[in-house]
């Protein structure tokens, strides 16, 4: 478990969030509201999904050449307009948080992560956040067990 968890405010822009992830060499972070309560999680995948969804063209094969040109023109207008608006972390985050108690067995944490396709689970002591378990942490346990 990593005991220090850095959360970000939901009002941060995607640019601030991207810089935060890069500066801290992490791929995701819990998101907090103005009162400091955790309300979701945002990751590099959320950023990528946002960009991918803004340029989705899977429907184009059903359009005529004229309709394709118009669709591209409209997408560019929308994309340029979106670039002028700050997209906040709260807009791209996943509003579901998976957490376990500090006393939860590591096997149960691994099962939860596999069943829910998670890369990170938050660890709580009562209502307080005390850490995070990531896929890296689980791999480290496996390597340490194999080495001993």
Foldseek 3Di string as FASTA:
>chain_A
DAQDADEEEQAAFPVVVVVVCVVVVHFKHFYAYPVRDTQFMFGPVLVVVVVCVLPDDPVVVVDDPVVNVVVVVVSVVVVVVVVVDGHTNNNRTDRDAAEDEPPDDPVVVVVVCVVVVHQKHFYDHVRHTGGMDGVVNVVVVVVVVVVD
